[in-house]
């Protein structure tokens, strides 16, 4: 077998921003902490990571969790929400 990445080691996740409904796709390793995905999303959208809350199945995501720990599969949707009312 080759040392190439297997599709079984990665998952394609969608992150949808509640302000505009735009979806961004990320392919990450199942063992990668979600913090990397969250930081990449915020950087890509020029957002302050402290002002964004990420949820999956209406449950707030912990940045130290992995897709594998949460049972995420290809095509699963993560919601990116602006925290609070932006006072």
PDB file of N, CA and C in Angstrom:
ATOM      1  N   UNK A   1       0.828  -1.188   0.000  1.00  0.00           N
ATOM      2  CA  UNK A   1       0.000   0.000   0.000  1.00  0.00           C
ATOM      3  C   UNK A   1       0.870   1.249   0.000  1.00  0.00           C
ATOM      4  N   UNK A   2       0.330   2.288  -0.594  1.00  0.00           N
ATOM      5  CA  UNK A   2       1.075   3.542  -0.643  1.00  0.00           C
ATOM      6  C   UNK A   2       0.847   4.338   0.634  1.00  0.00           C
ATOM      7  N   UNK A   3       1.679   5.358   0.816  1.00  0.00           N
ATOM      8  CA  UNK A   3       1.567   6.196   1.998  1.00  0.00           C
ATOM      9  C   UNK A   3       0.600   7.347   1.801  1.00  0.00           C
ATOM     10  N   UNK A   4      -0.177   7.349   0.716  1.00  0.00           N
ATOM     11  CA  UNK A   4      -1.112   8.435   0.449  1.00  0.00           C
ATOM     12  C   UNK A   4      -2.262   8.456   1.437  1.00  0.00           C
ATOM     13  N   UNK A   5      -2.905   9.604   1.492  1.00  0.00           N
ATOM     14  CA  UNK A   5      -4.041   9.750   2.410  1.00  0.00           C
ATOM     15  C   UNK A   5      -5.231   8.949   1.913  1.00  0.00           C
ATOM     16  N   UNK A   6      -5.904   8.349   2.828  1.00  0.00           N
ATOM     17  CA  UNK A   6      -7.112   7.611   2.521  1.00  0.00           C
ATOM     18  C   UNK A   6      -8.313   8.506   2.793  1.00  0.00           C
ATOM     19  N   UNK A   7      -9.356   8.379   1.973  1.00  0.00           N
ATOM     20  CA  UNK A   7     -10.569   9.149   2.208  1.00  0.00           C
ATOM     21  C   UNK A   7     -11.190   8.803   3.548  1.00  0.00           C
ATOM     22  N   UNK A   8     -10.880   7.604   4.047  1.00  0.00           N
ATOM     23  CA  UNK A   8     -11.427   7.190   5.336  1.00  0.00           C
ATOM     24  C   UNK A   8     -10.791   7.965   6.488  1.00  0.00           C
ATOM     25  N   UNK A   9      -9.627   8.574   6.248  1.00  0.00           N
ATOM     26  CA  UNK A   9      -8.935   9.337   7.289  1.00  0.00           C
ATOM     27  C   UNK A   9      -9.404  10.784   7.352  1.00  0.00           C
ATOM     28  N   UNK A  10     -10.159  11.218   6.343  1.00  0.00           N
ATOM     29  CA  UNK A  10     -10.588  12.614   6.284  1.00  0.00           C
ATOM     30  C   UNK A  10     -12.109  12.704   6.183  1.00  0.00           C
ATOM     31  N   UNK A  11     -12.604  13.892   6.464  1.00  0.00           N
ATOM     32  CA  UNK A  11     -14.037  14.153   6.363  1.00  0.00           C
ATOM     33  C   UNK A  11     -14.211  15.548   5.758  1.00  0.00           C
ATOM     34  N   UNK A  12     -15.208  15.698   4.898  1.00  0.00           N
ATOM     35  CA  UNK A  12     -15.508  16.996   4.293  1.00  0.00           C
ATOM     36  C   UNK A  12     -16.678  17.612   5.054  1.00  0.00           C
ATOM     37  N   UNK A  13     -16.428  18.760   5.668  1.00  0.00           N
ATOM     38  CA  UNK A  13     -17.437  19.431   6.481  1.00  0.00           C
ATOM     39  C   UNK A  13     -17.804  20.776   5.869  1.00  0.00           C
ATOM     40  N   UNK A  14     -19.058  21.156   6.028  1.00  0.00           N
ATOM     41  CA  UNK A  14     -19.532  22.459   5.558  1.00  0.00           C
ATOM     42  C   UNK A  14     -19.701  23.361   6.774  1.00  0.00           C
ATOM     43  N   UNK A  15     -19.240  24.600   6.644  1.00  0.00           N
ATOM     44  CA  UNK A  15     -19.464  25.595   7.691  1.00  0.00           C
ATOM     45  C   UNK A  15     -20.316  26.694   7.068  1.00  0.00           C
ATOM     46  N   UNK A  16     -21.478  26.945   7.663  1.00  0.00           N
ATOM     47  CA  UNK A  16     -22.392  27.966   7.151  1.00  0.00           C
ATOM     48  C   UNK A  16     -22.446  29.139   8.117  1.00  0.00           C
ATOM     49  N   UNK A  17     -22.177  30.335   7.580  1.00  0.00           N
ATOM     50  CA  UNK A  17     -22.180  31.557   8.385  1.00  0.00           C
ATOM     51  C   UNK A  17     -23.600  32.101   8.447  1.00  0.00           C
ATOM     52  N   UNK A  18     -24.104  32.331   9.647  1.00  0.00           N
ATOM     53  CA  UNK A  18     -25.500  32.742   9.794  1.00  0.00           C
ATOM     54  C   UNK A  18     -25.784  34.143   9.257  1.00  0.00           C
ATOM     55  N   UNK A  19     -24.766  34.986   9.106  1.00  0.00           N
ATOM     56  CA  UNK A  19     -24.983  36.363   8.631  1.00  0.00           C
ATOM     57  C   UNK A  19     -25.368  36.416   7.155  1.00  0.00           C
ATOM     58  N   UNK A  20     -24.788  35.515   6.343  1.00  0.00           N
ATOM     59  CA  UNK A  20     -25.045  35.579   4.904  1.00  0.00           C
ATOM     60  C   UNK A  20     -25.444  34.242   4.282  1.00  0.00           C
ATOM     61  N   UNK A  21     -25.421  33.163   5.061  1.00  0.00           N
ATOM     62  CA  UNK A  21     -25.831  31.857   4.547  1.00  0.00           C
ATOM     63  C   UNK A  21     -24.804  31.184   3.656  1.00  0.00           C
ATOM     64  N   UNK A  22     -23.655  31.822   3.450  1.00  0.00           N
ATOM     65  CA  UNK A  22     -22.621  31.255   2.584  1.00  0.00           C
ATOM     66  C   UNK A  22     -21.968  30.062   3.275  1.00  0.00           C
ATOM     67  N   UNK A  23     -21.788  28.976   2.502  1.00  0.00           N
ATOM     68  CA  UNK A  23     -21.151  27.776   3.034  1.00  0.00           C
ATOM     69  C   UNK A  23     -19.708  27.693   2.554  1.00  0.00           C
ATOM     70  N   UNK A  24     -18.826  27.313   3.462  1.00  0.00           N
ATOM     71  CA  UNK A  24     -17.420  27.093   3.157  1.00  0.00           C
ATOM     72  C   UNK A  24     -17.128  25.632   3.454  1.00  0.00           C
ATOM     73  N   UNK A  25     -16.411  24.974   2.545  1.00  0.00           N
ATOM     74  CA  UNK A  25     -16.123  23.553   2.699  1.00  0.00           C
ATOM     75  C   UNK A  25     -14.698  23.343   3.185  1.00  0.00           C
ATOM     76  N   UNK A  26     -14.549  22.408   4.096  1.00  0.00           N
ATOM     77  CA  UNK A  26     -13.239  22.054   4.643  1.00  0.00           C
ATOM     78  C   UNK A  26     -13.083  20.542   4.626  1.00  0.00           C
ATOM     79  N   UNK A  27     -11.925  20.067   4.153  1.00  0.00           N
ATOM     80  CA  UNK A  27     -11.590  18.647   4.273  1.00  0.00           C
ATOM     81  C   UNK A  27     -10.507  18.564   5.337  1.00  0.00           C
ATOM     82  N   UNK A  28     -10.820  17.854   6.402  1.00  0.00           N
ATOM     83  CA  UNK A  28      -9.897  17.741   7.529  1.00  0.00           C
ATOM     84  C   UNK A  28      -9.743  16.282   7.927  1.00  0.00           C
ATOM     85  N   UNK A  29      -8.627  15.994   8.583  1.00  0.00           N
ATOM     86  CA  UNK A  29      -8.442  14.656   9.132  1.00  0.00           C
ATOM     87  C   UNK A  29      -9.433  14.455  10.265  1.00  0.00           C
ATOM     88  N   UNK A  30      -9.917  13.246  10.392  1.00  0.00           N
ATOM     89  CA  UNK A  30     -10.874  12.942  11.459  1.00  0.00           C
ATOM     90  C   UNK A  30     -10.269  13.169  12.842  1.00  0.00           C
ATOM     91  N   UNK A  31      -8.938  13.130  12.917  1.00  0.00           N
ATOM     92  CA  UNK A  31      -8.255  13.277  14.204  1.00  0.00           C
ATOM     93  C   UNK A  31      -7.810  14.717  14.488  1.00  0.00           C
ATOM     94  N   UNK A  32      -8.105  15.644  13.562  1.00  0.00           N
ATOM     95  CA  UNK A  32      -7.708  17.043  13.734  1.00  0.00           C
ATOM     96  C   UNK A  32      -8.669  17.758  14.676  1.00  0.00           C
ATOM     97  N   UNK A  33      -8.113  18.507  15.620  1.00  0.00           N
ATOM     98  CA  UNK A  33      -8.969  19.274  16.528  1.00  0.00           C
ATOM     99  C   UNK A  33      -9.726  20.325  15.727  1.00  0.00           C
ATOM    100  N   UNK A  34     -10.984  20.523  16.084  1.00  0.00           N
ATOM    101  CA  UNK A  34     -11.834  21.470  15.362  1.00  0.00           C
ATOM    102  C   UNK A  34     -11.340  22.904  15.457  1.00  0.00           C
ATOM    103  N   UNK A  35     -10.466  23.180  16.400  1.00  0.00           N
ATOM    104  CA  UNK A  35      -9.907  24.524  16.534  1.00  0.00           C
ATOM    105  C   UNK A  35      -9.259  24.964  15.222  1.00  0.00           C
ATOM    106  N   UNK A  36      -8.576  24.049  14.530  1.00  0.00           N
ATOM    107  CA  UNK A  36      -7.920  24.404  13.258  1.00  0.00           C
ATOM    108  C   UNK A  36      -8.952  24.847  12.225  1.00  0.00           C
ATOM    109  N   UNK A  37     -10.050  24.109  12.128  1.00  0.00           N
ATOM    110  CA  UNK A  37     -11.108  24.456  11.183  1.00  0.00           C
ATOM    111  C   UNK A  37     -11.722  25.806  11.561  1.00  0.00           C
ATOM    112  N   UNK A  38     -11.975  26.007  12.836  1.00  0.00           N
ATOM    113  CA  UNK A  38     -12.572  27.266  13.304  1.00  0.00           C
ATOM    114  C   UNK A  38     -11.676  28.458  12.989  1.00  0.00           C
ATOM    115  N   UNK A  39     -10.378  28.310  13.249  1.00  0.00           N
ATOM    116  CA  UNK A  39      -9.433  29.394  12.980  1.00  0.00           C
ATOM    117  C   UNK A  39      -9.338  29.675  11.485  1.00  0.00           C
ATOM    118  N   UNK A  40      -9.315  28.613  10.672  1.00  0.00           N
ATOM    119  CA  UNK A  40      -9.228  28.787   9.221  1.00  0.00           C
ATOM    120  C   UNK A  40     -10.475  29.496   8.687  1.00  0.00           C
ATOM    121  N   UNK A  41     -11.638  29.117   9.195  1.00  0.00           N
ATOM    122  CA  UNK A  41     -12.882  29.765   8.762  1.00  0.00           C
ATOM    123  C   UNK A  41     -12.852  31.252   9.097  1.00  0.00           C
ATOM    124  N   UNK A  42     -12.488  31.579  10.318  1.00  0.00           N
ATOM    125  CA  UNK A  42     -12.461  32.988  10.746  1.00  0.00           C
ATOM    126  C   UNK A  42     -11.445  33.794   9.945  1.00  0.00           C
ATOM    127  N   UNK A  43     -10.287  33.210   9.693  1.00  0.00           N
ATOM    128  CA  UNK A  43      -9.262  33.907   8.907  1.00  0.00           C
ATOM    129  C   UNK A  43      -9.766  34.142   7.482  1.00  0.00           C
ATOM    130  N   UNK A  44     -10.366  33.116   6.888  1.00  0.00           N
ATOM    131  CA  UNK A  44     -10.886  33.196   5.525  1.00  0.00           C
ATOM    132  C   UNK A  44     -11.957  34.273   5.394  1.00  0.00           C
ATOM    133  N   UNK A  45     -12.772  34.448   6.430  1.00  0.00           N
ATOM    134  CA  UNK A  45     -13.873  35.408   6.397  1.00  0.00           C
ATOM    135  C   UNK A  45     -13.541  36.718   7.107  1.00  0.00           C
ATOM    136  N   UNK A  46     -12.285  36.888   7.547  1.00  0.00           N
ATOM    137  CA  UNK A  46     -11.843  38.096   8.270  1.00  0.00           C
ATOM    138  C   UNK A  46     -12.719  38.368   9.497  1.00  0.00           C
ATOM    139  N   UNK A  47     -12.925  37.319  10.289  1.00  0.00           N
ATOM    140  CA  UNK A  47     -13.749  37.419  11.494  1.00  0.00           C
ATOM    141  C   UNK A  47     -12.888  37.249  12.737  1.00  0.00           C
ATOM    142  N   UNK A  48     -13.307  37.864  13.820  1.00  0.00           N
ATOM    143  CA  UNK A  48     -12.643  37.689  15.109  1.00  0.00           C
ATOM    144  C   UNK A  48     -13.123  36.361  15.699  1.00  0.00           C
ATOM    145  N   UNK A  49     -12.220  35.394  15.884  1.00  0.00           N
ATOM    146  CA  UNK A  49     -12.630  34.081  16.411  1.00  0.00           C
ATOM    147  C   UNK A  49     -13.383  34.171  17.739  1.00  0.00           C
ATOM    148  N   UNK A  50     -13.111  35.199  18.522  1.00  0.00           N
ATOM    149  CA  UNK A  50     -13.787  35.348  19.816  1.00  0.00           C
ATOM    150  C   UNK A  50     -15.255  35.742  19.652  1.00  0.00           C
ATOM    151  N   UNK A  51     -15.610  36.230  18.462  1.00  0.00           N
ATOM    152  CA  UNK A  51     -16.984  36.697  18.250  1.00  0.00           C
ATOM    153  C   UNK A  51     -17.863  35.656  17.555  1.00  0.00           C
ATOM    154  N   UNK A  52     -17.296  34.484  17.260  1.00  0.00           N
ATOM    155  CA  UNK A  52     -18.029  33.455  16.525  1.00  0.00           C
ATOM    156  C   UNK A  52     -18.193  32.202  17.380  1.00  0.00           C
ATOM    157  N   UNK A  53     -19.393  31.662  17.362  1.00  0.00           N
ATOM    158  CA  UNK A  53     -19.688  30.410  18.059  1.00  0.00           C
ATOM    159  C   UNK A  53     -20.025  29.366  16.996  1.00  0.00           C
ATOM    160  N   UNK A  54     -19.463  28.185  17.131  1.00  0.00           N
ATOM    161  CA  UNK A  54     -19.701  27.111  16.176  1.00  0.00           C
ATOM    162  C   UNK A  54     -20.585  26.054  16.818  1.00  0.00           C
ATOM    163  N   UNK A  55     -21.615  25.613  16.076  1.00  0.00           N
ATOM    164  CA  UNK A  55     -22.503  24.580  16.596  1.00  0.00           C
ATOM    165  C   UNK A  55     -22.654  23.451  15.580  1.00  0.00           C
ATOM    166  N   UNK A  56     -22.913  22.264  16.094  1.00  0.00           N
ATOM    167  CA  UNK A  56     -23.168  21.075  15.276  1.00  0.00           C
ATOM    168  C   UNK A  56     -24.368  20.380  15.903  1.00  0.00           C
ATOM    169  N   UNK A  57     -25.409  20.170  15.118  1.00  0.00           N
ATOM    170  CA  UNK A  57     -26.661  19.605  15.642  1.00  0.00           C
ATOM    171  C   UNK A  57     -27.163  20.421  16.834  1.00  0.00           C
ATOM    172  N   UNK A  58     -27.066  21.736  16.720  1.00  0.00           N
ATOM    173  CA  UNK A  58     -27.540  22.693  17.737  1.00  0.00           C
ATOM    174  C   UNK A  58     -26.788  22.636  19.061  1.00  0.00           C
ATOM    175  N   UNK A  59     -25.633  21.978  19.067  1.00  0.00           N
ATOM    176  CA  UNK A  59     -24.810  21.898  20.273  1.00  0.00           C
ATOM    177  C   UNK A  59     -23.509  22.651  20.016  1.00  0.00           C
ATOM    178  N   UNK A  60     -23.137  23.530  20.950  1.00  0.00           N
ATOM    179  CA  UNK A  60     -21.904  24.308  20.801  1.00  0.00           C
ATOM    180  C   UNK A  60     -20.699  23.371  20.732  1.00  0.00           C
ATOM    181  N   UNK A  61     -19.833  23.622  19.752  1.00  0.00           N
ATOM    182  CA  UNK A  61     -18.640  22.793  19.576  1.00  0.00           C
ATOM    183  C   UNK A  61     -17.515  23.242  20.500  1.00  0.00           C
ATOM    184  N   UNK A  62     -16.818  22.266  21.034  1.00  0.00           N
ATOM    185  CA  UNK A  62     -15.617  22.536  21.814  1.00  0.00           C
ATOM    186  C   UNK A  62     -14.433  22.429  20.863  1.00  0.00           C
ATOM    187  N   UNK A  63     -13.551  23.440  20.904  1.00  0.00           N
ATOM    188  CA  UNK A  63     -12.457  23.489  19.936  1.00  0.00           C
ATOM    189  C   UNK A  63     -11.444  22.367  20.094  1.00  0.00           C
ATOM    190  N   UNK A  64     -11.417  21.708  21.249  1.00  0.00           N
ATOM    191  CA  UNK A  64     -10.448  20.631  21.442  1.00  0.00           C
ATOM    192  C   UNK A  64     -10.990  19.271  21.016  1.00  0.00           C
ATOM    193  N   UNK A  65     -12.227  19.222  20.522  1.00  0.00           N
ATOM    194  CA  UNK A  65     -12.810  17.967  20.037  1.00  0.00           C
ATOM    195  C   UNK A  65     -12.410  17.736  18.583  1.00  0.00           C
ATOM    196  N   UNK A  66     -12.537  16.486  18.139  1.00  0.00           N
ATOM    197  CA  UNK A  66     -12.228  16.124  16.757  1.00  0.00           C
ATOM    198  C   UNK A  66     -13.498  15.637  16.066  1.00  0.00           C
ATOM    199  N   UNK A  67     -13.514  15.667  14.725  1.00  0.00           N
ATOM    200  CA  UNK A  67     -14.666  15.117  14.006  1.00  0.00           C
ATOM    201  C   UNK A  67     -14.926  13.653  14.387  1.00  0.00           C
ATOM    202  N   UNK A  68     -13.860  12.913  14.609  1.00  0.00           N
ATOM    203  CA  UNK A  68     -14.004  11.500  14.977  1.00  0.00           C
ATOM    204  C   UNK A  68     -14.741  11.356  16.309  1.00  0.00           C
ATOM    205  N   UNK A  69     -14.370  12.171  17.293  1.00  0.00           N
ATOM    206  CA  UNK A  69     -15.008  12.108  18.610  1.00  0.00           C
ATOM    207  C   UNK A  69     -16.496  12.444  18.535  1.00  0.00           C
ATOM    208  N   UNK A  70     -16.867  13.301  17.587  1.00  0.00           N
ATOM    209  CA  UNK A  70     -18.251  13.754  17.463  1.00  0.00           C
ATOM    210  C   UNK A  70     -19.053  12.943  16.452  1.00  0.00           C
ATOM    211  N   UNK A  71     -18.413  11.946  15.835  1.00  0.00           N
ATOM    212  CA  UNK A  71     -19.106  11.098  14.866  1.00  0.00           C
ATOM    213  C   UNK A  71     -19.495  11.828  13.592  1.00  0.00           C
ATOM    214  N   UNK A  72     -18.716  12.842  13.222  1.00  0.00           N
ATOM    215  CA  UNK A  72     -19.025  13.620  12.021  1.00  0.00           C
ATOM    216  C   UNK A  72     -18.733  12.805  10.768  1.00  0.00           C
ATOM    217  N   UNK A  73     -19.561  13.045   9.739  1.00  0.00           N
ATOM    218  CA  UNK A  73     -19.422  12.354   8.463  1.00  0.00           C
ATOM    219  C   UNK A  73     -19.353  13.377   7.339  1.00  0.00           C
ATOM    220  N   UNK A  74     -18.944  12.909   6.144  1.00  0.00           N
ATOM    221  CA  UNK A  74     -18.878  13.790   4.976  1.00  0.00           C
ATOM    222  C   UNK A  74     -20.199  14.525   4.792  1.00  0.00           C
ATOM    223  N   UNK A  75     -20.099  15.821   4.556  1.00  0.00           N
ATOM    224  CA  UNK A  75     -21.273  16.626   4.272  1.00  0.00           C
ATOM    225  C   UNK A  75     -21.964  17.198   5.492  1.00  0.00           C
ATOM    226  N   UNK A  76     -21.505  16.840   6.695  1.00  0.00           N
ATOM    227  CA  UNK A  76     -22.130  17.389   7.899  1.00  0.00           C
ATOM    228  C   UNK A  76     -21.967  18.905   7.933  1.00  0.00           C
ATOM    229  N   UNK A  77     -22.969  19.572   8.499  1.00  0.00           N
ATOM    230  CA  UNK A  77     -23.014  21.031   8.526  1.00  0.00           C
ATOM    231  C   UNK A  77     -22.725  21.570   9.920  1.00  0.00           C
ATOM    232  N   UNK A  78     -21.776  22.491   9.967  1.00  0.00           N
ATOM    233  CA  UNK A  78     -21.461  23.226  11.192  1.00  0.00           C
ATOM    234  C   UNK A  78     -21.974  24.646  10.983  1.00  0.00           C
ATOM    235  N   UNK A  79     -22.679  25.171  11.968  1.00  0.00           N
ATOM    236  CA  UNK A  79     -23.165  26.549  11.886  1.00  0.00           C
ATOM    237  C   UNK A  79     -22.188  27.474  12.593  1.00  0.00           C
ATOM    238  N   UNK A  80     -21.860  28.584  11.938  1.00  0.00           N
ATOM    239  CA  UNK A  80     -21.016  29.625  12.534  1.00  0.00           C
ATOM    240  C   UNK A  80     -21.930  30.802  12.840  1.00  0.00           C
ATOM    241  N   UNK A  81     -22.051  31.105  14.122  1.00  0.00           N
ATOM    242  CA  UNK A  81     -22.986  32.129  14.575  1.00  0.00           C
ATOM    243  C   UNK A  81     -22.243  33.272  15.240  1.00  0.00           C
ATOM    244  N   UNK A  82     -22.698  34.485  15.002  1.00  0.00           N
ATOM    245  CA  UNK A  82     -22.122  35.630  15.694  1.00  0.00           C
ATOM    246  C   UNK A  82     -22.582  35.550  17.143  1.00  0.00           C
ATOM    247  N   UNK A  83     -21.631  35.556  18.069  1.00  0.00           N
ATOM    248  CA  UNK A  83     -21.957  35.465  19.495  1.00  0.00           C
ATOM    249  C   UNK A  83     -22.632  36.740  19.971  1.00  0.00           C
ATOM    250  N   UNK A  84     -23.644  36.601  20.792  1.00  0.00           N
ATOM    251  CA  UNK A  84     -24.333  37.759  21.352  1.00  0.00           C
ATOM    252  C   UNK A  84     -25.007  38.589  20.283  1.00  0.00           C
ATOM    253  N   UNK A  85     -25.266  39.824  20.613  1.00  0.00           N
ATOM    254  CA  UNK A  85     -25.933  40.727  19.683  1.00  0.00           C
ATOM    255  C   UNK A  85     -24.979  41.731  19.064  1.00  0.00           C
ATOM    256  N   UNK A  86     -23.671  41.504  19.246  1.00  0.00           N
ATOM    257  CA  UNK A  86     -22.685  42.402  18.661  1.00  0.00           C
ATOM    258  C   UNK A  86     -22.708  43.785  19.275  1.00  0.00           C
ATOM    259  N   UNK A  87     -22.925  43.841  20.565  1.00  0.00           N
ATOM    260  CA  UNK A  87     -23.060  45.121  21.277  1.00  0.00           C
ATOM    261  C   UNK A  87     -21.980  46.034  20.958  1.00  0.00           C
TER     262      UNK A  87
END
